[in-house]
Amino acid sequence: MLSCFAGCSKSDIPDGYQLIAREGDTFRLYVPTQGWMPNTSSGVTSAFFAVTNSDVGMPATSVSVYMPDDASDCESVAEYWEICEEKLAEELDEYKFIGSEDKNIKLGGEPAVKYTYSAKMSVSGKSVTYKFMQVMAIHNGQMYVLMFSGPETEFSKRFDGENGSNEHVGIIREFR
């Protein structure tokens, strides 16, 4: 695991954060050190927030970064979102678009757009409403997608600012 972080010294890691990256990643994802667990074994750079009393039977909230293959011909984030939304509506139960925002949104210093939506997911045999937030930007012709997801109630606690938490702001700000 240490080899994954060879290109990044301790001084490069923001205070209170940990680096989550796979060897060869062209980006650096930093998540808070408190409660967040790395999860790169799936082949996707990601982390989840460890919840001890989760009633959904799996990590309650997660963050991941990927570079989609199907975005290579897209010249804008909006163009790629059209592709995404069509797939989401086809593949997810009760997909519901919530909104988008591009004012003052940056990802790795690049202008970005934040899209939010919800859908029903089957978790441990139960139907659970999940909320998703995708922040998308293009850097050097490559699309980057930073995705947050979790059951609606847990998502609100971690990312919507309820209970004083708004962790996505720091994670987005520290993304390189």
N, C-alpha and C. Protein backbone atom coordinates (compact mmCIF):
# COMPACT_ATOMS: atom_id res chain seq x y z
N MET A 1 0.82 -1.19 0.00
CA MET A 1 0.00 0.00 0.00
C MET A 1 0.86 1.26 0.00
N LEU A 2 2.01 1.20 0.65
CA LEU A 2 2.87 2.37 0.71
C LEU A 2 3.34 2.81 -0.66
N SER A 3 3.52 1.86 -1.58
CA SER A 3 3.97 2.23 -2.92
C SER A 3 2.94 3.09 -3.64
N CYS A 4 1.68 2.98 -3.25
CA CYS A 4 0.63 3.78 -3.88
C CYS A 4 0.86 5.27 -3.67
N PHE A 5 1.52 5.61 -2.58
CA PHE A 5 1.66 7.00 -2.21
C PHE A 5 3.08 7.52 -2.41
N ALA A 6 3.89 6.82 -3.19
CA ALA A 6 5.29 7.16 -3.37
C ALA A 6 5.49 8.57 -3.93
N GLY A 7 4.60 9.03 -4.78
CA GLY A 7 4.76 10.34 -5.39
C GLY A 7 4.27 11.49 -4.54
N CYS A 8 3.86 11.23 -3.33
CA CYS A 8 3.28 12.26 -2.49
C CYS A 8 3.94 12.23 -1.12
N SER A 9 4.56 13.31 -0.74
CA SER A 9 5.18 13.35 0.58
C SER A 9 4.16 13.74 1.63
N LYS A 10 4.48 13.47 2.89
CA LYS A 10 3.59 13.80 4.00
C LYS A 10 3.24 15.28 4.00
N SER A 11 4.19 16.14 3.63
CA SER A 11 3.94 17.58 3.66
C SER A 11 2.92 18.01 2.61
N ASP A 12 2.68 17.17 1.59
CA ASP A 12 1.70 17.50 0.55
C ASP A 12 0.27 17.19 0.99
N ILE A 13 0.10 16.40 2.03
CA ILE A 13 -1.22 16.00 2.49
C ILE A 13 -1.79 17.09 3.39
N PRO A 14 -2.98 17.62 3.05
CA PRO A 14 -3.57 18.67 3.88
C PRO A 14 -3.77 18.21 5.32
N ASP A 15 -3.59 19.11 6.25
CA ASP A 15 -3.75 18.81 7.67
C ASP A 15 -5.16 18.28 7.95
N GLY A 16 -5.26 17.15 8.64
CA GLY A 16 -6.55 16.56 8.97
C GLY A 16 -7.11 15.65 7.90
N TYR A 17 -6.34 15.44 6.82
CA TYR A 17 -6.78 14.61 5.71
C TYR A 17 -5.82 13.45 5.50
N GLN A 18 -6.28 12.45 4.76
CA GLN A 18 -5.44 11.34 4.35
C GLN A 18 -5.58 11.19 2.83
N LEU A 19 -4.50 10.73 2.21
CA LEU A 19 -4.50 10.53 0.77
C LEU A 19 -5.10 9.18 0.42
N ILE A 20 -6.02 9.18 -0.53
CA ILE A 20 -6.61 7.95 -1.05
C ILE A 20 -6.29 7.94 -2.54
N ALA A 21 -5.43 7.03 -2.96
CA ALA A 21 -5.08 6.96 -4.38
C ALA A 21 -4.51 5.59 -4.69
N ARG A 22 -4.67 5.18 -5.92
CA ARG A 22 -4.07 3.93 -6.40
C ARG A 22 -2.81 4.29 -7.17
N GLU A 23 -1.91 3.35 -7.28
CA GLU A 23 -0.72 3.59 -8.08
C GLU A 23 -1.14 3.90 -9.50
N GLY A 24 -0.59 4.95 -10.06
CA GLY A 24 -0.91 5.33 -11.43
C GLY A 24 -2.03 6.35 -11.55
N ASP A 25 -2.74 6.64 -10.46
CA ASP A 25 -3.79 7.66 -10.53
C ASP A 25 -3.18 9.00 -10.93
N THR A 26 -3.89 9.72 -11.78
CA THR A 26 -3.40 11.03 -12.21
C THR A 26 -4.00 12.15 -11.36
N PHE A 27 -4.55 11.79 -10.23
CA PHE A 27 -5.18 12.75 -9.33
C PHE A 27 -4.89 12.35 -7.89
N ARG A 28 -5.21 13.23 -6.97
CA ARG A 28 -5.06 12.95 -5.55
C ARG A 28 -6.38 13.26 -4.86
N LEU A 29 -6.98 12.23 -4.26
CA LEU A 29 -8.20 12.37 -3.48
C LEU A 29 -7.81 12.37 -2.01
N TYR A 30 -8.20 13.41 -1.29
CA TYR A 30 -7.95 13.49 0.14
C TYR A 30 -9.29 13.47 0.86
N VAL A 31 -9.38 12.64 1.91
CA VAL A 31 -10.58 12.59 2.74
C VAL A 31 -10.17 12.80 4.18
N PRO A 32 -11.10 13.27 5.02
CA PRO A 32 -10.76 13.48 6.43
C PRO A 32 -10.23 12.20 7.08
N THR A 33 -9.36 12.35 8.05
CA THR A 33 -8.79 11.19 8.74
C THR A 33 -9.78 10.58 9.72
N GLN A 34 -10.68 11.38 10.24
CA GLN A 34 -11.64 10.88 11.23
C GLN A 34 -12.81 10.16 10.57
N GLY A 35 -12.90 8.85 10.78
CA GLY A 35 -14.05 8.08 10.32
C GLY A 35 -13.99 7.55 8.89
N TRP A 36 -13.11 8.06 8.07
CA TRP A 36 -13.05 7.65 6.67
C TRP A 36 -12.05 6.52 6.48
N MET A 37 -12.46 5.50 5.72
CA MET A 37 -11.64 4.33 5.47
C MET A 37 -11.35 4.21 3.97
N PRO A 38 -10.08 4.04 3.59
CA PRO A 38 -9.75 3.85 2.17
C PRO A 38 -10.36 2.57 1.63
N ASN A 39 -10.69 2.59 0.34
CA ASN A 39 -11.24 1.41 -0.32
C ASN A 39 -10.83 1.45 -1.79
N THR A 40 -9.61 1.00 -2.07
CA THR A 40 -9.14 1.01 -3.45
C THR A 40 -9.11 -0.39 -4.05
N SER A 41 -9.51 -1.39 -3.29
CA SER A 41 -9.45 -2.78 -3.75
C SER A 41 -10.41 -3.07 -4.90
N SER A 42 -11.45 -2.25 -5.06
CA SER A 42 -12.44 -2.48 -6.11
C SER A 42 -11.95 -2.03 -7.48
N GLY A 43 -10.76 -1.42 -7.53
CA GLY A 43 -10.26 -0.89 -8.79
C GLY A 43 -10.66 0.55 -9.02
N VAL A 44 -11.41 1.12 -8.08
CA VAL A 44 -11.81 2.52 -8.13
C VAL A 44 -11.25 3.20 -6.89
N THR A 45 -10.70 4.38 -7.06
CA THR A 45 -10.20 5.13 -5.91
C THR A 45 -11.41 5.61 -5.11
N SER A 46 -11.53 5.12 -3.87
CA SER A 46 -12.70 5.47 -3.09
C SER A 46 -12.42 5.33 -1.60
N ALA A 47 -13.34 5.85 -0.82
CA ALA A 47 -13.30 5.73 0.64
C ALA A 47 -14.74 5.73 1.12
N PHE A 48 -14.95 5.18 2.30
CA PHE A 48 -16.29 5.22 2.87
C PHE A 48 -16.21 5.69 4.30
N PHE A 49 -17.30 6.26 4.76
CA PHE A 49 -17.39 6.72 6.13
C PHE A 49 -17.91 5.57 6.98
N ALA A 50 -17.13 5.19 7.97
CA ALA A 50 -17.48 4.05 8.82
C ALA A 50 -18.61 4.45 9.76
N VAL A 51 -19.71 3.75 9.66
CA VAL A 51 -20.87 4.00 10.52
C VAL A 51 -21.07 2.78 11.40
N THR A 52 -21.09 2.97 12.70
CA THR A 52 -21.21 1.83 13.60
C THR A 52 -22.63 1.35 13.76
N ASN A 53 -23.61 2.23 13.69
CA ASN A 53 -25.00 1.83 13.89
C ASN A 53 -25.83 2.01 12.62
N SER A 54 -25.31 1.57 11.51
CA SER A 54 -26.02 1.73 10.26
C SER A 54 -27.13 0.69 10.15
N ASP A 55 -28.32 1.14 9.81
CA ASP A 55 -29.44 0.21 9.63
C ASP A 55 -29.56 -0.27 8.19
N VAL A 56 -28.60 0.11 7.35
CA VAL A 56 -28.68 -0.29 5.94
C VAL A 56 -27.76 -1.44 5.60
N GLY A 57 -26.94 -1.89 6.53
CA GLY A 57 -26.13 -3.09 6.32
C GLY A 57 -24.91 -2.90 5.45
N MET A 58 -24.49 -1.68 5.21
CA MET A 58 -23.29 -1.43 4.43
C MET A 58 -22.78 -0.03 4.74
N PRO A 59 -21.58 0.32 4.26
CA PRO A 59 -21.10 1.68 4.54
C PRO A 59 -22.15 2.72 4.15
N ALA A 60 -22.39 3.65 5.03
CA ALA A 60 -23.49 4.60 4.82
C ALA A 60 -23.19 5.66 3.78
N THR A 61 -22.00 6.19 3.77
CA THR A 61 -21.66 7.19 2.78
C THR A 61 -20.31 6.87 2.17
N SER A 62 -20.14 7.23 0.92
CA SER A 62 -18.86 6.96 0.27
C SER A 62 -18.52 8.07 -0.71
N VAL A 63 -17.25 8.13 -1.05
CA VAL A 63 -16.76 9.06 -2.05
C VAL A 63 -15.84 8.27 -2.98
N SER A 64 -15.94 8.52 -4.27
CA SER A 64 -15.08 7.83 -5.23
C SER A 64 -14.75 8.76 -6.38
N VAL A 65 -13.66 8.45 -7.06
CA VAL A 65 -13.25 9.22 -8.23
C VAL A 65 -13.04 8.25 -9.38
N TYR A 66 -13.52 8.61 -10.54
CA TYR A 66 -13.25 7.80 -11.72
C TYR A 66 -13.15 8.70 -12.95
N MET A 67 -12.54 8.17 -13.98
CA MET A 67 -12.39 8.85 -15.26
C MET A 67 -13.14 8.01 -16.28
N PRO A 68 -14.35 8.40 -16.64
CA PRO A 68 -15.20 7.57 -17.50
C PRO A 68 -14.66 7.41 -18.92
N ASP A 69 -14.74 6.17 -19.39
CA ASP A 69 -14.31 5.86 -20.76
C ASP A 69 -15.24 6.47 -21.80
N ASP A 70 -16.52 6.55 -21.46
CA ASP A 70 -17.50 7.02 -22.45
C ASP A 70 -17.57 8.53 -22.57
N ALA A 71 -16.62 9.26 -21.97
CA ALA A 71 -16.60 10.72 -22.05
C ALA A 71 -15.58 11.24 -23.04
N SER A 72 -14.86 10.34 -23.71
CA SER A 72 -13.75 10.77 -24.57
C SER A 72 -14.18 11.69 -25.71
N ASP A 73 -15.39 11.55 -26.20
CA ASP A 73 -15.85 12.40 -27.31
C ASP A 73 -16.60 13.64 -26.83
N CYS A 74 -16.75 13.80 -25.51
CA CYS A 74 -17.51 14.93 -24.97
C CYS A 74 -16.62 16.16 -24.85
N GLU A 75 -17.16 17.28 -25.29
CA GLU A 75 -16.41 18.52 -25.22
C GLU A 75 -16.76 19.36 -24.00
N SER A 76 -17.78 18.95 -23.26
CA SER A 76 -18.17 19.71 -22.07
C SER A 76 -18.74 18.77 -21.02
N VAL A 77 -18.78 19.25 -19.80
CA VAL A 77 -19.39 18.48 -18.71
C VAL A 77 -20.88 18.28 -19.00
N ALA A 78 -21.54 19.32 -19.48
CA ALA A 78 -22.98 19.22 -19.77
C ALA A 78 -23.27 18.13 -20.80
N GLU A 79 -22.41 18.04 -21.80
CA GLU A 79 -22.58 17.00 -22.83
C GLU A 79 -22.44 15.61 -22.21
N TYR A 80 -21.46 15.45 -21.32
CA TYR A 80 -21.30 14.15 -20.66
C TYR A 80 -22.46 13.86 -19.71
N TRP A 81 -22.96 14.87 -19.03
CA TRP A 81 -24.08 14.65 -18.11
C TRP A 81 -25.31 14.11 -18.86
N GLU A 82 -25.53 14.56 -20.09
CA GLU A 82 -26.66 14.03 -20.87
C GLU A 82 -26.53 12.52 -21.05
N ILE A 83 -25.31 12.05 -21.31
CA ILE A 83 -25.07 10.60 -21.44
C ILE A 83 -25.34 9.91 -20.10
N CYS A 84 -24.81 10.50 -19.03
CA CYS A 84 -24.99 9.92 -17.69
C CYS A 84 -26.46 9.83 -17.32
N GLU A 85 -27.16 10.93 -17.51
CA GLU A 85 -28.55 10.96 -17.06
C GLU A 85 -29.41 9.94 -17.80
N GLU A 86 -29.15 9.77 -19.07
CA GLU A 86 -29.89 8.77 -19.84
C GLU A 86 -29.66 7.37 -19.26
N LYS A 87 -28.39 7.05 -18.94
CA LYS A 87 -28.07 5.75 -18.36
C LYS A 87 -28.66 5.59 -16.97
N LEU A 88 -28.56 6.64 -16.16
CA LEU A 88 -29.10 6.58 -14.79
C LEU A 88 -30.60 6.32 -14.81
N ALA A 89 -31.32 7.02 -15.68
CA ALA A 89 -32.77 6.85 -15.77
C ALA A 89 -33.14 5.44 -16.20
N GLU A 90 -32.31 4.82 -17.05
CA GLU A 90 -32.58 3.46 -17.51
C GLU A 90 -32.23 2.42 -16.46
N GLU A 91 -31.13 2.64 -15.72
CA GLU A 91 -30.58 1.60 -14.86
C GLU A 91 -30.99 1.67 -13.39
N LEU A 92 -31.40 2.83 -12.91
CA LEU A 92 -31.72 2.97 -11.48
C LEU A 92 -33.22 3.01 -11.24
N ASP A 93 -33.66 2.34 -10.19
CA ASP A 93 -35.07 2.38 -9.80
C ASP A 93 -35.41 3.73 -9.21
N GLU A 94 -36.50 4.29 -9.67
CA GLU A 94 -37.01 5.57 -9.17
C GLU A 94 -35.97 6.69 -9.21
N TYR A 95 -35.20 6.73 -10.30
CA TYR A 95 -34.23 7.81 -10.49
C TYR A 95 -34.95 9.16 -10.48
N LYS A 96 -34.39 10.12 -9.72
CA LYS A 96 -34.99 11.45 -9.65
C LYS A 96 -33.87 12.49 -9.66
N PHE A 97 -33.85 13.33 -10.68
CA PHE A 97 -32.89 14.43 -10.76
C PHE A 97 -33.29 15.48 -9.74
N ILE A 98 -32.34 15.93 -8.92
CA ILE A 98 -32.62 16.94 -7.91
C ILE A 98 -32.18 18.32 -8.37
N GLY A 99 -30.98 18.42 -8.94
CA GLY A 99 -30.54 19.73 -9.41
C GLY A 99 -29.09 19.74 -9.81
N SER A 100 -28.66 20.90 -10.32
CA SER A 100 -27.26 21.10 -10.70
C SER A 100 -26.82 22.48 -10.26
N GLU A 101 -25.50 22.63 -10.12
CA GLU A 101 -24.94 23.91 -9.70
C GLU A 101 -23.56 24.04 -10.32
N ASP A 102 -23.28 25.21 -10.87
CA ASP A 102 -21.95 25.45 -11.42
C ASP A 102 -21.31 26.75 -10.92
N LYS A 103 -22.05 27.49 -10.15
CA LYS A 103 -21.53 28.76 -9.64
C LYS A 103 -20.46 28.50 -8.57
N ASN A 104 -19.26 29.00 -8.83
CA ASN A 104 -18.13 28.89 -7.89
C ASN A 104 -17.73 27.45 -7.57
N ILE A 105 -18.05 26.50 -8.45
CA ILE A 105 -17.65 25.10 -8.23
C ILE A 105 -16.36 24.85 -9.00
N LYS A 106 -15.36 24.35 -8.30
CA LYS A 106 -14.07 24.00 -8.91
C LYS A 106 -13.70 22.60 -8.44
N LEU A 107 -13.04 21.85 -9.31
CA LEU A 107 -12.51 20.54 -8.96
C LEU A 107 -11.09 20.49 -9.49
N GLY A 108 -10.12 20.40 -8.59
CA GLY A 108 -8.73 20.42 -9.01
C GLY A 108 -8.35 21.70 -9.72
N GLY A 109 -8.99 22.80 -9.37
CA GLY A 109 -8.71 24.09 -9.98
C GLY A 109 -9.45 24.35 -11.27
N GLU A 110 -10.16 23.36 -11.77
CA GLU A 110 -10.91 23.49 -13.03
C GLU A 110 -12.38 23.81 -12.74
N PRO A 111 -13.02 24.59 -13.63
CA PRO A 111 -14.46 24.81 -13.47
C PRO A 111 -15.19 23.47 -13.50
N ALA A 112 -16.15 23.33 -12.60
CA ALA A 112 -16.85 22.05 -12.48
C ALA A 112 -18.35 22.29 -12.34
N VAL A 113 -19.10 21.20 -12.48
CA VAL A 113 -20.55 21.24 -12.29
C VAL A 113 -20.90 20.14 -11.30
N LYS A 114 -21.78 20.47 -10.36
CA LYS A 114 -22.24 19.52 -9.35
C LYS A 114 -23.68 19.12 -9.69
N TYR A 115 -23.91 17.81 -9.85
CA TYR A 115 -25.23 17.26 -10.13
C TYR A 115 -25.67 16.42 -8.94
N THR A 116 -26.94 16.54 -8.57
CA THR A 116 -27.47 15.78 -7.44
C THR A 116 -28.72 15.03 -7.90
N TYR A 117 -28.83 13.77 -7.46
CA TYR A 117 -29.99 12.96 -7.82
C TYR A 117 -30.20 11.89 -6.75
N SER A 118 -31.33 11.21 -6.82
CA SER A 118 -31.61 10.12 -5.89
C SER A 118 -32.15 8.93 -6.66
N ALA A 119 -32.11 7.77 -6.00
CA ALA A 119 -32.64 6.54 -6.60
C ALA A 119 -32.82 5.51 -5.50
N LYS A 120 -33.65 4.54 -5.76
CA LYS A 120 -33.84 3.42 -4.82
C LYS A 120 -32.78 2.37 -5.09
N MET A 121 -32.18 1.87 -4.00
CA MET A 121 -31.16 0.84 -4.10
C MET A 121 -31.59 -0.32 -3.20
N SER A 122 -31.28 -1.53 -3.61
CA SER A 122 -31.56 -2.69 -2.78
C SER A 122 -30.33 -2.96 -1.91
N VAL A 123 -30.52 -2.87 -0.60
CA VAL A 123 -29.44 -3.06 0.36
C VAL A 123 -29.89 -4.07 1.41
N SER A 124 -29.19 -5.19 1.47
CA SER A 124 -29.54 -6.25 2.43
C SER A 124 -31.01 -6.61 2.35
N GLY A 125 -31.53 -6.69 1.13
CA GLY A 125 -32.91 -7.10 0.92
C GLY A 125 -33.94 -6.00 1.15
N LYS A 126 -33.49 -4.80 1.50
CA LYS A 126 -34.41 -3.68 1.72
C LYS A 126 -34.23 -2.64 0.62
N SER A 127 -35.30 -1.94 0.30
CA SER A 127 -35.24 -0.84 -0.65
C SER A 127 -34.92 0.44 0.12
N VAL A 128 -33.81 1.07 -0.23
CA VAL A 128 -33.34 2.25 0.49
C VAL A 128 -33.15 3.37 -0.52
N THR A 129 -33.63 4.57 -0.18
CA THR A 129 -33.41 5.72 -1.05
C THR A 129 -32.00 6.24 -0.82
N TYR A 130 -31.22 6.25 -1.88
CA TYR A 130 -29.85 6.78 -1.85
C TYR A 130 -29.84 8.15 -2.52
N LYS A 131 -28.97 9.00 -2.04
CA LYS A 131 -28.74 10.29 -2.66
C LYS A 131 -27.32 10.29 -3.24
N PHE A 132 -27.16 10.93 -4.37
CA PHE A 132 -25.88 10.97 -5.06
C PHE A 132 -25.54 12.41 -5.43
N MET A 133 -24.26 12.70 -5.38
CA MET A 133 -23.75 13.99 -5.86
C MET A 133 -22.53 13.68 -6.72
N GLN A 134 -22.55 14.17 -7.94
CA GLN A 134 -21.39 14.01 -8.82
C GLN A 134 -20.85 15.40 -9.16
N VAL A 135 -19.56 15.58 -8.94
CA VAL A 135 -18.89 16.82 -9.32
C VAL A 135 -17.99 16.47 -10.49
N MET A 136 -18.21 17.13 -11.63
CA MET A 136 -17.51 16.78 -12.87
C MET A 136 -16.71 17.96 -13.40
N ALA A 137 -15.50 17.65 -13.86
CA ALA A 137 -14.64 18.67 -14.47
C ALA A 137 -13.80 18.01 -15.55
N ILE A 138 -13.34 18.82 -16.49
CA ILE A 138 -12.43 18.36 -17.53
C ILE A 138 -11.06 18.99 -17.28
N HIS A 139 -10.03 18.14 -17.27
CA HIS A 139 -8.66 18.61 -17.10
C HIS A 139 -7.80 17.94 -18.17
N ASN A 140 -7.11 18.73 -18.97
CA ASN A 140 -6.28 18.22 -20.06
C ASN A 140 -7.03 17.23 -20.95
N GLY A 141 -8.28 17.56 -21.26
CA GLY A 141 -9.07 16.73 -22.15
C GLY A 141 -9.66 15.47 -21.51
N GLN A 142 -9.41 15.25 -20.23
CA GLN A 142 -9.92 14.06 -19.52
C GLN A 142 -11.02 14.47 -18.54
N MET A 143 -12.14 13.75 -18.57
CA MET A 143 -13.24 13.99 -17.64
C MET A 143 -12.92 13.33 -16.31
N TYR A 144 -13.11 14.07 -15.22
CA TYR A 144 -12.97 13.54 -13.87
C TYR A 144 -14.31 13.64 -13.17
N VAL A 145 -14.71 12.57 -12.50
CA VAL A 145 -15.98 12.55 -11.78
C VAL A 145 -15.68 12.18 -10.34
N LEU A 146 -16.04 13.08 -9.44
CA LEU A 146 -15.93 12.85 -8.00
C LEU A 146 -17.35 12.61 -7.52
N MET A 147 -17.64 11.38 -7.04
CA MET A 147 -19.01 11.02 -6.69
C MET A 147 -19.15 10.73 -5.20
N PHE A 148 -20.17 11.32 -4.60
CA PHE A 148 -20.55 11.07 -3.22
C PHE A 148 -21.86 10.31 -3.25
N SER A 149 -22.02 9.32 -2.38
CA SER A 149 -23.28 8.58 -2.35
C SER A 149 -23.54 8.04 -0.95
N GLY A 150 -24.82 7.80 -0.68
CA GLY A 150 -25.20 7.20 0.59
C GLY A 150 -26.70 7.24 0.78
N PRO A 151 -27.19 6.46 1.75
CA PRO A 151 -28.62 6.53 2.07
C PRO A 151 -28.98 7.98 2.38
N GLU A 152 -30.16 8.38 1.98
CA GLU A 152 -30.57 9.78 2.08
C GLU A 152 -30.31 10.39 3.47
N THR A 153 -30.65 9.67 4.52
CA THR A 153 -30.48 10.23 5.87
C THR A 153 -29.01 10.39 6.23
N GLU A 154 -28.20 9.40 5.91
CA GLU A 154 -26.77 9.49 6.21
C GLU A 154 -26.08 10.52 5.32
N PHE A 155 -26.51 10.61 4.07
CA PHE A 155 -25.96 11.59 3.15
C PHE A 155 -26.18 12.99 3.70
N SER A 156 -27.37 13.22 4.21
CA SER A 156 -27.68 14.54 4.78
C SER A 156 -26.76 14.87 5.95
N LYS A 157 -26.48 13.89 6.77
CA LYS A 157 -25.59 14.12 7.92
C LYS A 157 -24.17 14.44 7.48
N ARG A 158 -23.66 13.73 6.51
CA ARG A 158 -22.26 13.88 6.09
C ARG A 158 -22.05 15.04 5.12
N PHE A 159 -22.96 15.18 4.13
CA PHE A 159 -22.67 16.08 3.03
C PHE A 159 -23.61 17.26 2.86
N ASP A 160 -24.81 17.20 3.40
CA ASP A 160 -25.75 18.30 3.21
C ASP A 160 -25.67 19.36 4.30
N GLY A 161 -24.85 19.14 5.29
CA GLY A 161 -24.66 20.17 6.30
C GLY A 161 -25.51 20.03 7.54
N GLU A 162 -26.37 19.02 7.62
CA GLU A 162 -27.11 18.81 8.86
C GLU A 162 -26.11 18.45 9.95
N ASN A 163 -26.40 18.80 11.17
CA ASN A 163 -25.52 18.52 12.32
C ASN A 163 -24.15 19.17 12.15
N GLY A 164 -24.06 20.23 11.38
CA GLY A 164 -22.80 20.97 11.25
C GLY A 164 -21.78 20.35 10.32
N SER A 165 -22.07 19.23 9.69
CA SER A 165 -21.12 18.58 8.79
C SER A 165 -21.37 19.04 7.36
N ASN A 166 -20.34 19.22 6.62
CA ASN A 166 -20.42 19.57 5.21
C ASN A 166 -19.15 19.08 4.54
N GLU A 167 -18.82 17.80 4.76
CA GLU A 167 -17.52 17.27 4.39
C GLU A 167 -17.21 17.32 2.90
N HIS A 168 -18.22 17.32 2.07
CA HIS A 168 -17.93 17.34 0.63
C HIS A 168 -17.20 18.62 0.24
N VAL A 169 -17.45 19.72 0.93
CA VAL A 169 -16.79 20.98 0.59
C VAL A 169 -15.28 20.84 0.73
N GLY A 170 -14.82 20.28 1.85
CA GLY A 170 -13.39 20.08 2.05
C GLY A 170 -12.79 19.07 1.10
N ILE A 171 -13.51 17.98 0.84
CA ILE A 171 -13.01 16.95 -0.06
C ILE A 171 -12.88 17.51 -1.48
N ILE A 172 -13.85 18.27 -1.92
CA ILE A 172 -13.78 18.89 -3.25
C ILE A 172 -12.63 19.91 -3.28
N ARG A 173 -12.54 20.73 -2.25
CA ARG A 173 -11.50 21.78 -2.21
C ARG A 173 -10.10 21.18 -2.25
N GLU A 174 -9.88 20.04 -1.57
CA GLU A 174 -8.55 19.46 -1.47
C GLU A 174 -8.19 18.53 -2.63
N PHE A 175 -9.14 18.25 -3.50
CA PHE A 175 -8.88 17.37 -4.64
C PHE A 175 -7.82 17.99 -5.55
N ARG A 176 -6.87 17.19 -5.99
CA ARG A 176 -5.81 17.68 -6.89
C ARG A 176 -5.78 16.82 -8.14
